[in-house]
Amino acid sequence: MLSTIPKLAFHCNSSKGRGTRAAGWVADAFVKMHTQAGASEAQAQQSVAQQVLILTGGIIAWTETHGKRPIETRGQAWDGKTLAAIPL
């Protein structure tokens, strides 16, 4: 189902709680899926680390760096600015 989505970025306000936990749960499920498909644990961990990301500093840091967008522009394509992430 998620094979067409190259990366999943998780966040909450500061990425110190909910976003980090949710990313961990998804990463654990992906590792299990990869190992059941025949990958070694190390291969699965490496693959998942490149796919499941956590936004450094959460949405608070994002808005401090990039500013807030008006409600009318939300949901439009991302402008291509870099996205800092921490590995799991």
PDB file of N, CA and C in Angstrom:
ATOM      1  N   MET A   1       0.806  -1.185   0.000  1.00  0.00           N
ATOM      2  CA  MET A   1       0.000   0.000   0.000  1.00  0.00           C
ATOM      3  C   MET A   1       0.860   1.266   0.000  1.00  0.00           C
ATOM      4  N   LEU A   2       1.925   1.313   0.781  1.00  0.00           N
ATOM      5  CA  LEU A   2       2.757   2.505   0.858  1.00  0.00           C
ATOM      6  C   LEU A   2       3.978   2.441  -0.058  1.00  0.00           C
ATOM      7  N   SER A   3       4.028   1.470  -0.951  1.00  0.00           N
ATOM      8  CA  SER A   3       5.207   1.314  -1.803  1.00  0.00           C
ATOM      9  C   SER A   3       5.402   2.487  -2.750  1.00  0.00           C
ATOM     10  N   THR A   4       4.356   3.246  -3.038  1.00  0.00           N
ATOM     11  CA  THR A   4       4.486   4.391  -3.934  1.00  0.00           C
ATOM     12  C   THR A   4       4.830   5.678  -3.194  1.00  0.00           C
ATOM     13  N   ILE A   5       4.897   5.627  -1.873  1.00  0.00           N
ATOM     14  CA  ILE A   5       5.233   6.802  -1.071  1.00  0.00           C
ATOM     15  C   ILE A   5       6.684   6.650  -0.608  1.00  0.00           C
ATOM     16  N   PRO A   6       7.597   7.482  -1.150  1.00  0.00           N
ATOM     17  CA  PRO A   6       9.019   7.287  -0.851  1.00  0.00           C
ATOM     18  C   PRO A   6       9.417   7.645   0.575  1.00  0.00           C
ATOM     19  N   LYS A   7       8.765   8.643   1.183  1.00  0.00           N
ATOM     20  CA  LYS A   7       9.133   9.056   2.531  1.00  0.00           C
ATOM     21  C   LYS A   7       7.885   9.439   3.320  1.00  0.00           C
ATOM     22  N   LEU A   8       7.919   9.152   4.623  1.00  0.00           N
ATOM     23  CA  LEU A   8       6.859   9.556   5.544  1.00  0.00           C
ATOM     24  C   LEU A   8       7.500  10.443   6.603  1.00  0.00           C
ATOM     25  N   ALA A   9       7.054  11.682   6.713  1.00  0.00           N
ATOM     26  CA  ALA A   9       7.595  12.598   7.717  1.00  0.00           C
ATOM     27  C   ALA A   9       6.564  12.783   8.828  1.00  0.00           C
ATOM     28  N   PHE A  10       6.982  12.519  10.049  1.00  0.00           N
ATOM     29  CA  PHE A  10       6.099  12.649  11.210  1.00  0.00           C
ATOM     30  C   PHE A  10       6.506  13.879  12.008  1.00  0.00           C
ATOM     31  N   HIS A  11       5.510  14.503  12.642  1.00  0.00           N
ATOM     32  CA  HIS A  11       5.790  15.642  13.504  1.00  0.00           C
ATOM     33  C   HIS A  11       4.643  15.831  14.479  1.00  0.00           C
ATOM     34  N   CYS A  12       4.928  16.599  15.504  1.00  0.00           N
ATOM     35  CA  CYS A  12       3.904  17.153  16.374  1.00  0.00           C
ATOM     36  C   CYS A  12       4.380  18.579  16.637  1.00  0.00           C
ATOM     37  N   ASN A  13       3.996  19.192  17.707  1.00  0.00           N
ATOM     38  CA  ASN A  13       4.446  20.568  17.933  1.00  0.00           C
ATOM     39  C   ASN A  13       5.961  20.684  18.016  1.00  0.00           C
ATOM     40  N   SER A  14       6.607  19.784  18.756  1.00  0.00           N
ATOM     41  CA  SER A  14       8.057  19.875  18.933  1.00  0.00           C
ATOM     42  C   SER A  14       8.792  18.600  18.514  1.00  0.00           C
ATOM     43  N   SER A  15       8.079  17.586  18.083  1.00  0.00           N
ATOM     44  CA  SER A  15       8.645  16.274  17.716  1.00  0.00           C
ATOM     45  C   SER A  15       9.417  15.638  18.864  1.00  0.00           C
ATOM     46  N   LYS A  16       8.926  15.831  20.061  1.00  0.00           N
ATOM     47  CA  LYS A  16       9.531  15.196  21.236  1.00  0.00           C
ATOM     48  C   LYS A  16       8.598  14.179  21.865  1.00  0.00           C
ATOM     49  N   GLY A  17       7.410  14.013  21.333  1.00  0.00           N
ATOM     50  CA  GLY A  17       6.434  13.118  21.947  1.00  0.00           C
ATOM     51  C   GLY A  17       5.633  12.350  20.923  1.00  0.00           C
ATOM     52  N   ARG A  18       4.463  12.881  20.585  1.00  0.00           N
ATOM     53  CA  ARG A  18       3.531  12.167  19.705  1.00  0.00           C
ATOM     54  C   ARG A  18       4.133  11.836  18.344  1.00  0.00           C
ATOM     55  N   GLY A  19       4.786  12.808  17.703  1.00  0.00           N
ATOM     56  CA  GLY A  19       5.361  12.561  16.373  1.00  0.00           C
ATOM     57  C   GLY A  19       6.422  11.473  16.405  1.00  0.00           C
ATOM     58  N   THR A  20       7.260  11.518  17.415  1.00  0.00           N
ATOM     59  CA  THR A  20       8.323  10.527  17.565  1.00  0.00           C
ATOM     60  C   THR A  20       7.750   9.134  17.830  1.00  0.00           C
ATOM     61  N   ARG A  21       6.761   9.056  18.709  1.00  0.00           N
ATOM     62  CA  ARG A  21       6.136   7.752  19.001  1.00  0.00           C
ATOM     63  C   ARG A  21       5.447   7.180  17.766  1.00  0.00           C
ATOM     64  N   ALA A  22       4.689   8.009  17.053  1.00  0.00           N
ATOM     65  CA  ALA A  22       3.988   7.533  15.858  1.00  0.00           C
ATOM     66  C   ALA A  22       4.980   7.043  14.808  1.00  0.00           C
ATOM     67  N   ALA A  23       6.072   7.771  14.626  1.00  0.00           N
ATOM     68  CA  ALA A  23       7.100   7.350  13.665  1.00  0.00           C
ATOM     69  C   ALA A  23       7.700   6.007  14.077  1.00  0.00           C
ATOM     70  N   GLY A  24       7.919   5.832  15.370  1.00  0.00           N
ATOM     71  CA  GLY A  24       8.461   4.565  15.866  1.00  0.00           C
ATOM     72  C   GLY A  24       7.521   3.397  15.619  1.00  0.00           C
ATOM     73  N   TRP A  25       6.230   3.617  15.847  1.00  0.00           N
ATOM     74  CA  TRP A  25       5.248   2.547  15.611  1.00  0.00           C
ATOM     75  C   TRP A  25       5.224   2.149  14.133  1.00  0.00           C
ATOM     76  N   VAL A  26       5.220   3.137  13.252  1.00  0.00           N
ATOM     77  CA  VAL A  26       5.203   2.848  11.815  1.00  0.00           C
ATOM     78  C   VAL A  26       6.509   2.167  11.406  1.00  0.00           C
ATOM     79  N   ALA A  27       7.630   2.656  11.917  1.00  0.00           N
ATOM     80  CA  ALA A  27       8.921   2.052  11.589  1.00  0.00           C
ATOM     81  C   ALA A  27       8.962   0.592  12.033  1.00  0.00           C
ATOM     82  N   ASP A  28       8.481   0.296  13.235  1.00  0.00           N
ATOM     83  CA  ASP A  28       8.446  -1.088  13.716  1.00  0.00           C
ATOM     84  C   ASP A  28       7.609  -1.974  12.796  1.00  0.00           C
ATOM     85  N   ALA A  29       6.467  -1.456  12.361  1.00  0.00           N
ATOM     86  CA  ALA A  29       5.601  -2.228  11.458  1.00  0.00           C
ATOM     87  C   ALA A  29       6.281  -2.453  10.117  1.00  0.00           C
ATOM     88  N   PHE A  30       6.990  -1.436   9.609  1.00  0.00           N
ATOM     89  CA  PHE A  30       7.700  -1.580   8.333  1.00  0.00           C
ATOM     90  C   PHE A  30       8.837  -2.592   8.442  1.00  0.00           C
ATOM     91  N   VAL A  31       9.571  -2.543   9.555  1.00  0.00           N
ATOM     92  CA  VAL A  31      10.662  -3.511   9.752  1.00  0.00           C
ATOM     93  C   VAL A  31      10.095  -4.924   9.762  1.00  0.00           C
ATOM     94  N   LYS A  32       9.006  -5.127  10.480  1.00  0.00           N
ATOM     95  CA  LYS A  32       8.364  -6.444  10.533  1.00  0.00           C
ATOM     96  C   LYS A  32       7.933  -6.884   9.139  1.00  0.00           C
ATOM     97  N   MET A  33       7.351  -5.964   8.376  1.00  0.00           N
ATOM     98  CA  MET A  33       6.905  -6.272   7.016  1.00  0.00           C
ATOM     99  C   MET A  33       8.093  -6.678   6.131  1.00  0.00           C
ATOM    100  N   HIS A  34       9.198  -5.929   6.230  1.00  0.00           N
ATOM    101  CA  HIS A  34      10.382  -6.235   5.414  1.00  0.00           C
ATOM    102  C   HIS A  34      11.010  -7.579   5.793  1.00  0.00           C
ATOM    103  N   THR A  35      11.096  -7.843   7.103  1.00  0.00           N
ATOM    104  CA  THR A  35      11.703  -9.110   7.525  1.00  0.00           C
ATOM    105  C   THR A  35      10.820 -10.303   7.154  1.00  0.00           C
ATOM    106  N   GLN A  36       9.507 -10.123   7.213  1.00  0.00           N
ATOM    107  CA  GLN A  36       8.606 -11.202   6.791  1.00  0.00           C
ATOM    108  C   GLN A  36       8.703 -11.450   5.288  1.00  0.00           C
ATOM    109  N   ALA A  37       9.114 -10.429   4.543  1.00  0.00           N
ATOM    110  CA  ALA A  37       9.270 -10.571   3.091  1.00  0.00           C
ATOM    111  C   ALA A  37      10.639 -11.141   2.723  1.00  0.00           C
ATOM    112  N   GLY A  38      11.486 -11.399   3.744  1.00  0.00           N
ATOM    113  CA  GLY A  38      12.762 -12.047   3.481  1.00  0.00           C
ATOM    114  C   GLY A  38      13.999 -11.205   3.695  1.00  0.00           C
ATOM    115  N   ALA A  39      13.856  -9.942   4.038  1.00  0.00           N
ATOM    116  CA  ALA A  39      15.017  -9.083   4.287  1.00  0.00           C
ATOM    117  C   ALA A  39      15.602  -9.407   5.658  1.00  0.00           C
ATOM    118  N   SER A  40      16.907  -9.187   5.794  1.00  0.00           N
ATOM    119  CA  SER A  40      17.521  -9.352   7.113  1.00  0.00           C
ATOM    120  C   SER A  40      17.099  -8.173   7.989  1.00  0.00           C
ATOM    121  N   GLU A  41      17.292  -8.316   9.277  1.00  0.00           N
ATOM    122  CA  GLU A  41      16.943  -7.240  10.210  1.00  0.00           C
ATOM    123  C   GLU A  41      17.713  -5.963   9.859  1.00  0.00           C
ATOM    124  N   ALA A  42      19.008  -6.090   9.557  1.00  0.00           N
ATOM    125  CA  ALA A  42      19.826  -4.918   9.213  1.00  0.00           C
ATOM    126  C   ALA A  42      19.336  -4.247   7.931  1.00  0.00           C
ATOM    127  N   GLN A  43      19.002  -5.048   6.928  1.00  0.00           N
ATOM    128  CA  GLN A  43      18.485  -4.491   5.678  1.00  0.00           C
ATOM    129  C   GLN A  43      17.165  -3.766   5.919  1.00  0.00           C
ATOM    130  N   ALA A  44      16.308  -4.380   6.722  1.00  0.00           N
ATOM    131  CA  ALA A  44      15.007  -3.780   7.018  1.00  0.00           C
ATOM    132  C   ALA A  44      15.181  -2.457   7.756  1.00  0.00           C
ATOM    133  N   GLN A  45      16.049  -2.432   8.761  1.00  0.00           N
ATOM    134  CA  GLN A  45      16.299  -1.210   9.533  1.00  0.00           C
ATOM    135  C   GLN A  45      16.830  -0.098   8.631  1.00  0.00           C
ATOM    136  N   GLN A  46      17.747  -0.439   7.740  1.00  0.00           N
ATOM    137  CA  GLN A  46      18.339   0.558   6.845  1.00  0.00           C
ATOM    138  C   GLN A  46      17.285   1.121   5.894  1.00  0.00           C
ATOM    139  N   SER A  47      16.474   0.260   5.343  1.00  0.00           N
ATOM    140  CA  SER A  47      15.427   0.686   4.419  1.00  0.00           C
ATOM    141  C   SER A  47      14.424   1.603   5.113  1.00  0.00           C
ATOM    142  N   VAL A  48      14.016   1.220   6.299  1.00  0.00           N
ATOM    143  CA  VAL A  48      13.023   1.989   7.044  1.00  0.00           C
ATOM    144  C   VAL A  48      13.600   3.335   7.482  1.00  0.00           C
ATOM    145  N   ALA A  49      14.870   3.375   7.871  1.00  0.00           N
ATOM    146  CA  ALA A  49      15.497   4.629   8.303  1.00  0.00           C
ATOM    147  C   ALA A  49      15.512   5.664   7.184  1.00  0.00           C
ATOM    148  N   GLN A  50      15.504   5.219   5.946  1.00  0.00           N
ATOM    149  CA  GLN A  50      15.484   6.135   4.808  1.00  0.00           C
ATOM    150  C   GLN A  50      14.063   6.538   4.435  1.00  0.00           C
ATOM    151  N   GLN A  51      13.061   5.845   4.959  1.00  0.00           N
ATOM    152  CA  GLN A  51      11.674   6.098   4.579  1.00  0.00           C
ATOM    153  C   GLN A  51      10.870   6.817   5.659  1.00  0.00           C
ATOM    154  N   VAL A  52      11.125   6.520   6.918  1.00  0.00           N
ATOM    155  CA  VAL A  52      10.356   7.104   8.021  1.00  0.00           C
ATOM    156  C   VAL A  52      11.208   8.178   8.692  1.00  0.00           C
ATOM    157  N   LEU A  53      10.741   9.422   8.628  1.00  0.00           N
ATOM    158  CA  LEU A  53      11.498  10.566   9.133  1.00  0.00           C
ATOM    159  C   LEU A  53      10.708  11.308  10.198  1.00  0.00           C
ATOM    160  N   ILE A  54      11.430  12.074  11.029  1.00  0.00           N
ATOM    161  CA  ILE A  54      10.805  12.909  12.048  1.00  0.00           C
ATOM    162  C   ILE A  54      11.267  14.334  11.805  1.00  0.00           C
ATOM    163  N   LEU A  55      10.341  15.262  11.715  1.00  0.00           N
ATOM    164  CA  LEU A  55      10.663  16.670  11.483  1.00  0.00           C
ATOM    165  C   LEU A  55      11.369  17.234  12.706  1.00  0.00           C
ATOM    166  N   THR A  56      12.622  17.654  12.544  1.00  0.00           N
ATOM    167  CA  THR A  56      13.413  18.185  13.644  1.00  0.00           C
ATOM    168  C   THR A  56      12.756  19.436  14.215  1.00  0.00           C
ATOM    169  N   GLY A  57      12.476  19.428  15.497  1.00  0.00           N
ATOM    170  CA  GLY A  57      11.875  20.574  16.153  1.00  0.00           C
ATOM    171  C   GLY A  57      10.373  20.705  15.964  1.00  0.00           C
ATOM    172  N   GLY A  58       9.795  19.805  15.184  1.00  0.00           N
ATOM    173  CA  GLY A  58       8.355  19.798  14.980  1.00  0.00           C
ATOM    174  C   GLY A  58       7.849  20.977  14.166  1.00  0.00           C
ATOM    175  N   ILE A  59       6.553  21.155  14.196  1.00  0.00           N
ATOM    176  CA  ILE A  59       5.916  22.204  13.408  1.00  0.00           C
ATOM    177  C   ILE A  59       6.288  23.584  13.935  1.00  0.00           C
ATOM    178  N   ILE A  60       6.616  23.678  15.210  1.00  0.00           N
ATOM    179  CA  ILE A  60       7.038  24.961  15.780  1.00  0.00           C
ATOM    180  C   ILE A  60       8.314  25.433  15.090  1.00  0.00           C
ATOM    181  N   ALA A  61       9.325  24.571  14.997  1.00  0.00           N
ATOM    182  CA  ALA A  61      10.574  24.936  14.331  1.00  0.00           C
ATOM    183  C   ALA A  61      10.360  25.201  12.848  1.00  0.00           C
ATOM    184  N   TRP A  62       9.472  24.431  12.226  1.00  0.00           N
ATOM    185  CA  TRP A  62       9.184  24.645  10.800  1.00  0.00           C
ATOM    186  C   TRP A  62       8.640  26.057  10.572  1.00  0.00           C
ATOM    187  N   THR A  63       7.648  26.457  11.382  1.00  0.00           N
ATOM    188  CA  THR A  63       7.056  27.780  11.178  1.00  0.00           C
ATOM    189  C   THR A  63       8.030  28.897  11.541  1.00  0.00           C
ATOM    190  N   GLU A  64       8.925  28.669  12.510  1.00  0.00           N
ATOM    191  CA  GLU A  64       9.943  29.675  12.830  1.00  0.00           C
ATOM    192  C   GLU A  64      10.901  29.869  11.663  1.00  0.00           C
ATOM    193  N   THR A  65      11.207  28.790  10.955  1.00  0.00           N
ATOM    194  CA  THR A  65      12.138  28.854   9.831  1.00  0.00           C
ATOM    195  C   THR A  65      11.465  29.322   8.549  1.00  0.00           C
ATOM    196  N   HIS A  66      10.292  28.794   8.269  1.00  0.00           N
ATOM    197  CA  HIS A  66       9.665  29.016   6.966  1.00  0.00           C
ATOM    198  C   HIS A  66       8.435  29.914   7.019  1.00  0.00           C
ATOM    199  N   GLY A  67       7.986  30.283   8.208  1.00  0.00           N
ATOM    200  CA  GLY A  67       6.815  31.136   8.337  1.00  0.00           C
ATOM    201  C   GLY A  67       5.518  30.353   8.242  1.00  0.00           C
ATOM    202  N   LYS A  68       4.454  31.004   8.647  1.00  0.00           N
ATOM    203  CA  LYS A  68       3.131  30.381   8.568  1.00  0.00           C
ATOM    204  C   LYS A  68       2.534  30.672   7.205  1.00  0.00           C
ATOM    205  N   ARG A  69       1.782  29.727   6.695  1.00  0.00           N
ATOM    206  CA  ARG A  69       1.098  29.910   5.416  1.00  0.00           C
ATOM    207  C   ARG A  69      -0.372  30.202   5.698  1.00  0.00           C
ATOM    208  N   PRO A  70      -0.951  31.087   4.915  1.00  0.00           N
ATOM    209  CA  PRO A  70      -2.384  31.349   5.086  1.00  0.00           C
ATOM    210  C   PRO A  70      -3.191  30.075   4.859  1.00  0.00           C
ATOM    211  N   ILE A  71      -4.325  29.969   5.502  1.00  0.00           N
ATOM    212  CA  ILE A  71      -5.170  28.780   5.414  1.00  0.00           C
ATOM    213  C   ILE A  71      -5.531  28.471   3.960  1.00  0.00           C
ATOM    214  N   GLU A  72      -5.664  29.502   3.131  1.00  0.00           N
ATOM    215  CA  GLU A  72      -6.047  29.295   1.733  1.00  0.00           C
ATOM    216  C   GLU A  72      -4.969  28.555   0.935  1.00  0.00           C
ATOM    217  N   THR A  73      -3.718  28.650   1.367  1.00  0.00           N
ATOM    218  CA  THR A  73      -2.634  28.019   0.604  1.00  0.00           C
ATOM    219  C   THR A  73      -2.285  26.625   1.113  1.00  0.00           C
ATOM    220  N   ARG A  74      -2.858  26.208   2.212  1.00  0.00           N
ATOM    221  CA  ARG A  74      -2.545  24.886   2.762  1.00  0.00           C
ATOM    222  C   ARG A  74      -3.050  23.802   1.828  1.00  0.00           C
ATOM    223  N   GLY A  75      -2.274  22.748   1.726  1.00  0.00           N
ATOM    224  CA  GLY A  75      -2.633  21.649   0.848  1.00  0.00           C
ATOM    225  C   GLY A  75      -2.082  21.806  -0.554  1.00  0.00           C
ATOM    226  N   GLN A  76      -1.473  22.947  -0.836  1.00  0.00           N
ATOM    227  CA  GLN A  76      -0.850  23.143  -2.140  1.00  0.00           C
ATOM    228  C   GLN A  76       0.531  22.512  -2.132  1.00  0.00           C
ATOM    229  N   ALA A  77       1.109  22.383  -3.293  1.00  0.00           N
ATOM    230  CA  ALA A  77       2.409  21.724  -3.438  1.00  0.00           C
ATOM    231  C   ALA A  77       3.477  22.415  -2.599  1.00  0.00           C
ATOM    232  N   TRP A  78       4.384  21.626  -2.052  1.00  0.00           N
ATOM    233  CA  TRP A  78       5.507  22.109  -1.256  1.00  0.00           C
ATOM    234  C   TRP A  78       6.443  22.894  -2.156  1.00  0.00           C
ATOM    235  N   ASP A  79       7.064  23.951  -1.655  1.00  0.00           N
ATOM    236  CA  ASP A  79       7.889  24.826  -2.484  1.00  0.00           C
ATOM    237  C   ASP A  79       9.308  24.307  -2.707  1.00  0.00           C
ATOM    238  N   GLY A  80       9.664  23.175  -2.143  1.00  0.00           N
ATOM    239  CA  GLY A  80      10.965  22.570  -2.399  1.00  0.00           C
ATOM    240  C   GLY A  80      12.064  22.963  -1.441  1.00  0.00           C
ATOM    241  N   LYS A  81      11.767  23.745  -0.401  1.00  0.00           N
ATOM    242  CA  LYS A  81      12.793  24.084   0.584  1.00  0.00           C
ATOM    243  C   LYS A  81      13.213  22.823   1.324  1.00  0.00           C
ATOM    244  N   THR A  82      14.426  22.823   1.862  1.00  0.00           N
ATOM    245  CA  THR A  82      14.932  21.646   2.545  1.00  0.00           C
ATOM    246  C   THR A  82      14.092  21.314   3.773  1.00  0.00           C
ATOM    247  N   LEU A  83      14.059  20.042   4.094  1.00  0.00           N
ATOM    248  CA  LEU A  83      13.310  19.546   5.237  1.00  0.00           C
ATOM    249  C   LEU A  83      14.285  18.810   6.138  1.00  0.00           C
ATOM    250  N   ALA A  84      14.576  19.364   7.306  1.00  0.00           N
ATOM    251  CA  ALA A  84      15.482  18.719   8.240  1.00  0.00           C
ATOM    252  C   ALA A  84      14.756  17.574   8.931  1.00  0.00           C
ATOM    253  N   ALA A  85      15.422  16.463   9.051  1.00  0.00           N
ATOM    254  CA  ALA A  85      14.823  15.300   9.710  1.00  0.00           C
ATOM    255  C   ALA A  85      15.880  14.588  10.537  1.00  0.00           C
ATOM    256  N   ILE A  86      15.427  13.906  11.569  1.00  0.00           N
ATOM    257  CA  ILE A  86      16.339  13.104  12.371  1.00  0.00           C
ATOM    258  C   ILE A  86      16.055  11.634  12.090  1.00  0.00           C
ATOM    259  N   PRO A  87      17.091  10.809  12.013  1.00  0.00           N
ATOM    260  CA  PRO A  87      16.850   9.380  11.782  1.00  0.00           C
ATOM    261  C   PRO A  87      16.262   8.729  13.022  1.00  0.00           C
ATOM    262  N   LEU A  88      15.563   7.624  12.817  1.00  0.00           N
ATOM    263  CA  LEU A  88      14.995   6.897  13.953  1.00  0.00           C
ATOM    264  C   LEU A  88      16.074   6.125  14.662  1.00  0.00           C
TER     265      LEU A  88
END
